[in-house]
PDB file of N, CA and C in Angstrom:
ATOM      1  N   MET A   1    -106.401-187.127  97.714  1.00  0.00           N
ATOM      2  CA  MET A   1    -105.474-188.165  97.310  1.00  0.00           C
ATOM      3  C   MET A   1    -104.895-187.787  95.949  1.00  0.00           C
ATOM      4  N   PRO A   2    -103.576-187.789  95.773  1.00  0.00           N
ATOM      5  CA  PRO A   2    -102.977-187.388  94.505  1.00  0.00           C
ATOM      6  C   PRO A   2    -103.244-188.412  93.411  1.00  0.00           C
ATOM      7  N   CYS A   3    -103.237-187.925  92.170  1.00  0.00           N
ATOM      8  CA  CYS A   3    -103.416-188.808  91.016  1.00  0.00           C
ATOM      9  C   CYS A   3    -102.204-189.723  90.893  1.00  0.00           C
ATOM     10  N   LYS A   4    -102.455-190.952  90.548  1.00  0.00           N
ATOM     11  CA  LYS A   4    -101.351-191.855  90.260  1.00  0.00           C
ATOM     12  C   LYS A   4    -100.872-191.525  88.854  1.00  0.00           C
ATOM     13  N   ARG A   5     -99.576-191.494  88.684  1.00  0.00           N
ATOM     14  CA  ARG A   5     -99.011-191.158  87.384  1.00  0.00           C
ATOM     15  C   ARG A   5     -98.040-192.249  86.961  1.00  0.00           C
ATOM     16  N   LYS A   6     -97.976-192.478  85.672  1.00  0.00           N
ATOM     17  CA  LYS A   6     -97.065-193.460  85.130  1.00  0.00           C
ATOM     18  C   LYS A   6     -96.144-192.749  84.148  1.00  0.00           C
ATOM     19  N   LYS A   7     -94.867-193.062  84.195  1.00  0.00           N
ATOM     20  CA  LYS A   7     -93.895-192.419  83.315  1.00  0.00           C
ATOM     21  C   LYS A   7     -94.099-192.880  81.880  1.00  0.00           C
ATOM     22  N   ALA A   8     -94.153-191.909  80.985  1.00  0.00           N
ATOM     23  CA  ALA A   8     -94.197-192.182  79.554  1.00  0.00           C
ATOM     24  C   ALA A   8     -92.796-191.929  79.008  1.00  0.00           C
ATOM     25  N   GLU A   9     -92.621-192.092  77.707  1.00  0.00           N
ATOM     26  CA  GLU A   9     -91.328-191.811  77.095  1.00  0.00           C
ATOM     27  C   GLU A   9     -90.974-190.347  77.286  1.00  0.00           C
ATOM     28  N   ALA A  10     -89.719-190.038  77.191  1.00  0.00           N
ATOM     29  CA  ALA A  10     -89.198-188.676  77.300  1.00  0.00           C
ATOM     30  C   ALA A  10     -89.498-188.051  78.657  1.00  0.00           C
ATOM     31  N   GLY A  11     -89.708-188.880  79.693  1.00  0.00           N
ATOM     32  CA  GLY A  11     -89.881-188.362  81.039  1.00  0.00           C
ATOM     33  C   GLY A  11     -91.232-187.750  81.342  1.00  0.00           C
ATOM     34  N   SER A  12     -92.156-187.765  80.394  1.00  0.00           N
ATOM     35  CA  SER A  12     -93.480-187.196  80.657  1.00  0.00           C
ATOM     36  C   SER A  12     -94.300-188.191  81.475  1.00  0.00           C
ATOM     37  N   GLU A  13     -95.362-187.703  82.092  1.00  0.00           N
ATOM     38  CA  GLU A  13     -96.196-188.557  82.928  1.00  0.00           C
ATOM     39  C   GLU A  13     -97.620-188.590  82.403  1.00  0.00           C
ATOM     40  N   VAL A  14     -98.302-189.679  82.708  1.00  0.00           N
ATOM     41  CA  VAL A  14     -99.700-189.845  82.320  1.00  0.00           C
ATOM     42  C   VAL A  14    -100.489-190.166  83.584  1.00  0.00           C
ATOM     43  N   ASP A  15    -101.557-189.417  83.838  1.00  0.00           N
ATOM     44  CA  ASP A  15    -102.378-189.641  85.032  1.00  0.00           C
ATOM     45  C   ASP A  15    -103.416-190.733  84.779  1.00  0.00           C
ATOM     46  N   ASP A  16    -104.261-190.977  85.780  1.00  0.00           N
ATOM     47  CA  ASP A  16    -105.266-192.042  85.691  1.00  0.00           C
ATOM     48  C   ASP A  16    -106.220-191.849  84.516  1.00  0.00           C
ATOM     49  N   VAL A  17    -106.643-190.609  84.283  1.00  0.00           N
ATOM     50  CA  VAL A  17    -107.565-190.328  83.172  1.00  0.00           C
ATOM     51  C   VAL A  17    -106.886-190.648  81.845  1.00  0.00           C
ATOM     52  N   GLY A  18    -105.643-190.238  81.706  1.00  0.00           N
ATOM     53  CA  GLY A  18    -104.892-190.537  80.489  1.00  0.00           C
ATOM     54  C   GLY A  18    -104.756-192.034  80.259  1.00  0.00           C
ATOM     55  N   MET A  19    -104.495-192.776  81.328  1.00  0.00           N
ATOM     56  CA  MET A  19    -104.369-194.231  81.209  1.00  0.00           C
ATOM     57  C   MET A  19    -105.695-194.863  80.794  1.00  0.00           C
ATOM     58  N   LYS A  20    -106.811-194.373  81.344  1.00  0.00           N
ATOM     59  CA  LYS A  20    -108.130-194.896  80.949  1.00  0.00           C
ATOM     60  C   LYS A  20    -108.380-194.649  79.470  1.00  0.00           C
ATOM     61  N   ILE A  21    -107.995-193.477  78.991  1.00  0.00           N
ATOM     62  CA  ILE A  21    -108.182-193.142  77.576  1.00  0.00           C
ATOM     63  C   ILE A  21    -107.310-194.039  76.705  1.00  0.00           C
ATOM     64  N   LEU A  22    -106.058-194.235  77.079  1.00  0.00           N
ATOM     65  CA  LEU A  22    -105.173-195.110  76.305  1.00  0.00           C
ATOM     66  C   LEU A  22    -105.709-196.539  76.263  1.00  0.00           C
ATOM     67  N   LYS A  23    -106.183-197.030  77.390  1.00  0.00           N
ATOM     68  CA  LYS A  23    -106.736-198.391  77.431  1.00  0.00           C
ATOM     69  C   LYS A  23    -107.995-198.500  76.576  1.00  0.00           C
ATOM     70  N   ALA A  24    -108.832-197.466  76.604  1.00  0.00           N
ATOM     71  CA  ALA A  24    -110.046-197.462  75.778  1.00  0.00           C
ATOM     72  C   ALA A  24    -109.676-197.483  74.300  1.00  0.00           C
ATOM     73  N   LEU A  25    -108.690-196.679  73.912  1.00  0.00           N
ATOM     74  CA  LEU A  25    -108.250-196.659  72.514  1.00  0.00           C
ATOM     75  C   LEU A  25    -107.695-198.017  72.090  1.00  0.00           C
ATOM     76  N   ALA A  26    -106.968-198.669  72.974  1.00  0.00           N
ATOM     77  CA  ALA A  26    -106.430-199.996  72.666  1.00  0.00           C
ATOM     78  C   ALA A  26    -107.558-201.004  72.467  1.00  0.00           C
ATOM     79  N   GLU A  27    -108.606-200.915  73.280  1.00  0.00           N
ATOM     80  CA  GLU A  27    -109.751-201.829  73.155  1.00  0.00           C
ATOM     81  C   GLU A  27    -110.545-201.556  71.881  1.00  0.00           C
ATOM     82  N   ILE A  28    -110.666-200.297  71.514  1.00  0.00           N
ATOM     83  CA  ILE A  28    -111.403-199.942  70.297  1.00  0.00           C
ATOM     84  C   ILE A  28    -110.665-200.466  69.074  1.00  0.00           C
ATOM     85  N   ASN A  29    -109.326-200.452  69.126  1.00  0.00           N
ATOM     86  CA  ASN A  29    -108.484-201.048  68.089  1.00  0.00           C
ATOM     87  C   ASN A  29    -108.704-200.445  66.705  1.00  0.00           C
ATOM     88  N   GLY A  30    -108.719-199.137  66.628  1.00  0.00           N
ATOM     89  CA  GLY A  30    -108.848-198.428  65.359  1.00  0.00           C
ATOM     90  C   GLY A  30    -109.138-196.970  65.632  1.00  0.00           C
ATOM     91  N   PRO A  31    -109.117-196.129  64.602  1.00  0.00           N
ATOM     92  CA  PRO A  31    -109.407-194.707  64.804  1.00  0.00           C
ATOM     93  C   PRO A  31    -110.796-194.498  65.409  1.00  0.00           C
ATOM     94  N   ALA A  32    -110.879-193.600  66.398  1.00  0.00           N
ATOM     95  CA  ALA A  32    -112.151-193.361  67.085  1.00  0.00           C
ATOM     96  C   ALA A  32    -112.331-191.879  67.378  1.00  0.00           C
ATOM     97  N   ARG A  33    -113.587-191.457  67.430  1.00  0.00           N
ATOM     98  CA  ARG A  33    -113.932-190.071  67.778  1.00  0.00           C
ATOM     99  C   ARG A  33    -113.968-189.921  69.297  1.00  0.00           C
ATOM    100  N   CYS A  34    -113.901-188.664  69.746  1.00  0.00           N
ATOM    101  CA  CYS A  34    -113.890-188.365  71.190  1.00  0.00           C
ATOM    102  C   CYS A  34    -115.071-188.999  71.920  1.00  0.00           C
ATOM    103  N   GLY A  35    -116.259-188.905  71.357  1.00  0.00           N
ATOM    104  CA  GLY A  35    -117.449-189.445  72.008  1.00  0.00           C
ATOM    105  C   GLY A  35    -117.369-190.942  72.234  1.00  0.00           C
ATOM    106  N   GLU A  36    -116.845-191.652  71.249  1.00  0.00           N
ATOM    107  CA  GLU A  36    -116.698-193.105  71.363  1.00  0.00           C
ATOM    108  C   GLU A  36    -115.659-193.459  72.435  1.00  0.00           C
ATOM    109  N   ILE A  37    -114.566-192.713  72.448  1.00  0.00           N
ATOM    110  CA  ILE A  37    -113.515-192.935  73.448  1.00  0.00           C
ATOM    111  C   ILE A  37    -114.058-192.648  74.847  1.00  0.00           C
ATOM    112  N   ALA A  38    -114.782-191.545  74.979  1.00  0.00           N
ATOM    113  CA  ALA A  38    -115.359-191.149  76.273  1.00  0.00           C
ATOM    114  C   ALA A  38    -116.301-192.222  76.800  1.00  0.00           C
ATOM    115  N   LYS A  39    -117.145-192.735  75.922  1.00  0.00           N
ATOM    116  CA  LYS A  39    -118.104-193.770  76.326  1.00  0.00           C
ATOM    117  C   LYS A  39    -117.374-195.030  76.790  1.00  0.00           C
ATOM    118  N   LYS A  40    -116.375-195.445  76.030  1.00  0.00           N
ATOM    119  CA  LYS A  40    -115.618-196.657  76.358  1.00  0.00           C
ATOM    120  C   LYS A  40    -114.844-196.490  77.670  1.00  0.00           C
ATOM    121  N   ALA A  41    -114.297-195.280  77.897  1.00  0.00           N
ATOM    122  CA  ALA A  41    -113.488-195.023  79.092  1.00  0.00           C
ATOM    123  C   ALA A  41    -114.323-194.636  80.307  1.00  0.00           C
ATOM    124  N   GLY A  42    -115.594-194.261  80.085  1.00  0.00           N
ATOM    125  CA  GLY A  42    -116.447-193.835  81.190  1.00  0.00           C
ATOM    126  C   GLY A  42    -116.074-192.458  81.724  1.00  0.00           C
ATOM    127  N   ILE A  43    -115.650-191.582  80.819  1.00  0.00           N
ATOM    128  CA  ILE A  43    -115.200-190.231  81.169  1.00  0.00           C
ATOM    129  C   ILE A  43    -115.988-189.237  80.322  1.00  0.00           C
ATOM    130  N   PRO A  44    -116.356-188.067  80.870  1.00  0.00           N
ATOM    131  CA  PRO A  44    -117.079-187.065  80.073  1.00  0.00           C
ATOM    132  C   PRO A  44    -116.288-186.646  78.824  1.00  0.00           C
ATOM    133  N   THR A  45    -117.003-186.451  77.722  1.00  0.00           N
ATOM    134  CA  THR A  45    -116.376-186.100  76.447  1.00  0.00           C
ATOM    135  C   THR A  45    -115.507-184.853  76.552  1.00  0.00           C
ATOM    136  N   CYS A  46    -115.966-183.844  77.283  1.00  0.00           N
ATOM    137  CA  CYS A  46    -115.189-182.603  77.395  1.00  0.00           C
ATOM    138  C   CYS A  46    -113.827-182.849  78.046  1.00  0.00           C
ATOM    139  N   ARG A  47    -113.766-183.780  78.955  1.00  0.00           N
ATOM    140  CA  ARG A  47    -112.497-184.105  79.620  1.00  0.00           C
ATOM    141  C   ARG A  47    -111.583-184.906  78.692  1.00  0.00           C
ATOM    142  N   VAL A  48    -112.184-185.779  77.893  1.00  0.00           N
ATOM    143  CA  VAL A  48    -111.420-186.592  76.947  1.00  0.00           C
ATOM    144  C   VAL A  48    -110.774-185.702  75.889  1.00  0.00           C
ATOM    145  N   THR A  49    -111.508-184.712  75.411  1.00  0.00           N
ATOM    146  CA  THR A  49    -111.004-183.827  74.364  1.00  0.00           C
ATOM    147  C   THR A  49    -109.695-183.157  74.780  1.00  0.00           C
ATOM    148  N   GLY A  50    -109.670-182.570  75.953  1.00  0.00           N
ATOM    149  CA  GLY A  50    -108.459-181.906  76.434  1.00  0.00           C
ATOM    150  C   GLY A  50    -107.320-182.871  76.685  1.00  0.00           C
ATOM    151  N   LYS A  51    -107.635-184.012  77.237  1.00  0.00           N
ATOM    152  CA  LYS A  51    -106.604-185.001  77.553  1.00  0.00           C
ATOM    153  C   LYS A  51    -106.004-185.598  76.280  1.00  0.00           C
ATOM    154  N   LEU A  52    -106.825-185.771  75.239  1.00  0.00           N
ATOM    155  CA  LEU A  52    -106.306-186.298  73.975  1.00  0.00           C
ATOM    156  C   LEU A  52    -105.261-185.365  73.379  1.00  0.00           C
ATOM    157  N   ARG A  53    -105.465-184.073  73.527  1.00  0.00           N
ATOM    158  CA  ARG A  53    -104.490-183.095  73.028  1.00  0.00           C
ATOM    159  C   ARG A  53    -103.138-183.322  73.721  1.00  0.00           C
ATOM    160  N   SER A  54    -103.178-183.498  75.022  1.00  0.00           N
ATOM    161  CA  SER A  54    -101.959-183.737  75.799  1.00  0.00           C
ATOM    162  C   SER A  54    -101.298-185.063  75.407  1.00  0.00           C
ATOM    163  N   LEU A  55    -102.091-186.111  75.275  1.00  0.00           N
ATOM    164  CA  LEU A  55    -101.558-187.426  74.908  1.00  0.00           C
ATOM    165  C   LEU A  55    -100.967-187.413  73.498  1.00  0.00           C
ATOM    166  N   THR A  56    -101.574-186.648  72.603  1.00  0.00           N
ATOM    167  CA  THR A  56    -101.057-186.512  71.239  1.00  0.00           C
ATOM    168  C   THR A  56     -99.711-185.791  71.266  1.00  0.00           C
ATOM    169  N   ASN A  57     -99.620-184.723  72.045  1.00  0.00           N
ATOM    170  CA  ASN A  57     -98.360-183.975  72.160  1.00  0.00           C
ATOM    171  C   ASN A  57     -97.234-184.823  72.743  1.00  0.00           C
ATOM    172  N   LYS A  58     -97.576-185.796  73.565  1.00  0.00           N
ATOM    173  CA  LYS A  58     -96.582-186.693  74.172  1.00  0.00           C
ATOM    174  C   LYS A  58     -96.235-187.864  73.256  1.00  0.00           C
ATOM    175  N   GLY A  59     -96.916-187.971  72.112  1.00  0.00           N
ATOM    176  CA  GLY A  59     -96.645-189.054  71.174  1.00  0.00           C
ATOM    177  C   GLY A  59     -97.299-190.371  71.537  1.00  0.00           C
ATOM    178  N   LEU A  60     -98.250-190.349  72.464  1.00  0.00           N
ATOM    179  CA  LEU A  60     -98.915-191.579  72.901  1.00  0.00           C
ATOM    180  C   LEU A  60    -100.174-191.869  72.099  1.00  0.00           C
ATOM    181  N   VAL A  61    -100.682-190.853  71.435  1.00  0.00           N
ATOM    182  CA  VAL A  61    -101.878-190.963  70.601  1.00  0.00           C
ATOM    183  C   VAL A  61    -101.571-190.285  69.271  1.00  0.00           C
ATOM    184  N   GLU A  62    -102.088-190.859  68.194  1.00  0.00           N
ATOM    185  CA  GLU A  62    -101.936-190.282  66.856  1.00  0.00           C
ATOM    186  C   GLU A  62    -103.294-189.806  66.368  1.00  0.00           C
ATOM    187  N   LYS A  63    -103.267-188.892  65.416  1.00  0.00           N
ATOM    188  CA  LYS A  63    -104.496-188.356  64.832  1.00  0.00           C
ATOM    189  C   LYS A  63    -104.438-188.618  63.322  1.00  0.00           C
ATOM    190  N   PRO A  64    -104.858-189.834  62.894  1.00  0.00           N
ATOM    191  CA  PRO A  64    -104.727-190.204  61.485  1.00  0.00           C
ATOM    192  C   PRO A  64    -105.631-189.412  60.541  1.00  0.00           C
ATOM    193  N   GLU A  65    -106.720-188.884  61.060  1.00  0.00           N
ATOM    194  CA  GLU A  65    -107.611-188.039  60.267  1.00  0.00           C
ATOM    195  C   GLU A  65    -108.336-187.083  61.200  1.00  0.00           C
ATOM    196  N   LYS A  66    -108.894-186.036  60.634  1.00  0.00           N
ATOM    197  CA  LYS A  66    -109.542-185.008  61.445  1.00  0.00           C
ATOM    198  C   LYS A  66    -110.640-185.611  62.325  1.00  0.00           C
ATOM    199  N   GLY A  67    -110.538-185.332  63.632  1.00  0.00           N
ATOM    200  CA  GLY A  67    -111.564-185.768  64.571  1.00  0.00           C
ATOM    201  C   GLY A  67    -111.463-187.206  65.033  1.00  0.00           C
ATOM    202  N   LYS A  68    -110.434-187.929  64.607  1.00  0.00           N
ATOM    203  CA  LYS A  68    -110.276-189.328  65.021  1.00  0.00           C
ATOM    204  C   LYS A  68    -108.893-189.540  65.627  1.00  0.00           C
ATOM    205  N   TYR A  69    -108.851-190.429  66.602  1.00  0.00           N
ATOM    206  CA  TYR A  69    -107.618-190.682  67.344  1.00  0.00           C
ATOM    207  C   TYR A  69    -107.320-192.173  67.379  1.00  0.00           C
ATOM    208  N   LEU A  70    -106.028-192.478  67.501  1.00  0.00           N
ATOM    209  CA  LEU A  70    -105.551-193.854  67.482  1.00  0.00           C
ATOM    210  C   LEU A  70    -104.381-193.957  68.458  1.00  0.00           C
ATOM    211  N   ILE A  71    -104.321-195.018  69.229  1.00  0.00           N
ATOM    212  CA  ILE A  71    -103.198-195.186  70.155  1.00  0.00           C
ATOM    213  C   ILE A  71    -101.926-195.481  69.354  1.00  0.00           C
ATOM    214  N   SER A  72    -100.811-194.884  69.757  1.00  0.00           N
ATOM    215  CA  SER A  72     -99.533-195.096  69.071  1.00  0.00           C
ATOM    216  C   SER A  72     -98.810-196.306  69.671  1.00  0.00           C
ATOM    217  N   GLU A  73     -97.706-196.689  69.040  1.00  0.00           N
ATOM    218  CA  GLU A  73     -96.891-197.788  69.573  1.00  0.00           C
ATOM    219  C   GLU A  73     -96.393-197.441  70.978  1.00  0.00           C
ATOM    220  N   SER A  74     -96.002-196.183  71.181  1.00  0.00           N
ATOM    221  CA  SER A  74     -95.543-195.744  72.509  1.00  0.00           C
ATOM    222  C   SER A  74     -96.661-195.859  73.537  1.00  0.00           C
ATOM    223  N   GLY A  75     -97.871-195.512  73.130  1.00  0.00           N
ATOM    224  CA  GLY A  75     -99.028-195.623  74.015  1.00  0.00           C
ATOM    225  C   GLY A  75     -99.313-197.068  74.384  1.00  0.00           C
ATOM    226  N   LEU A  76     -99.201-197.949  73.398  1.00  0.00           N
ATOM    227  CA  LEU A  76     -99.416-199.378  73.660  1.00  0.00           C
ATOM    228  C   LEU A  76     -98.377-199.923  74.637  1.00  0.00           C
ATOM    229  N   LYS A  77     -97.125-199.512  74.464  1.00  0.00           N
ATOM    230  CA  LYS A  77     -96.060-199.969  75.370  1.00  0.00           C
ATOM    231  C   LYS A  77     -96.323-199.501  76.800  1.00  0.00           C
ATOM    232  N   LEU A  78     -96.840-198.299  76.935  1.00  0.00           N
ATOM    233  CA  LEU A  78     -97.077-197.733  78.260  1.00  0.00           C
ATOM    234  C   LEU A  78     -98.150-198.493  79.036  1.00  0.00           C
ATOM    235  N   ILE A  79     -99.181-198.971  78.353  1.00  0.00           N
ATOM    236  CA  ILE A  79    -100.279-199.645  79.059  1.00  0.00           C
ATOM    237  C   ILE A  79    -100.020-201.132  79.294  1.00  0.00           C
ATOM    238  N   LYS A  80     -98.977-201.664  78.709  1.00  0.00           N
ATOM    239  CA  LYS A  80     -98.663-203.098  78.879  1.00  0.00           C
ATOM    240  C   LYS A  80     -98.035-203.366  80.220  1.00  0.00           C
TER     241      LYS A  80
END
């Protein structure tokens, strides 16, 4: 069964794992490390790490400090 994808800004797409990560970041409501995001989303940390890189490149996640991630305004709009 193919992954469900949702259109993000600039025509990029976000799969189910990406959406779980964005929703977890929104629930955490502040900068979080990969392990915390993984636990909240129920996804292995190694998978979260790679996906965060992609989400950051798409402008859906910000990296306010080394090793911590925060959902961006674009990311919040996508999950609403």
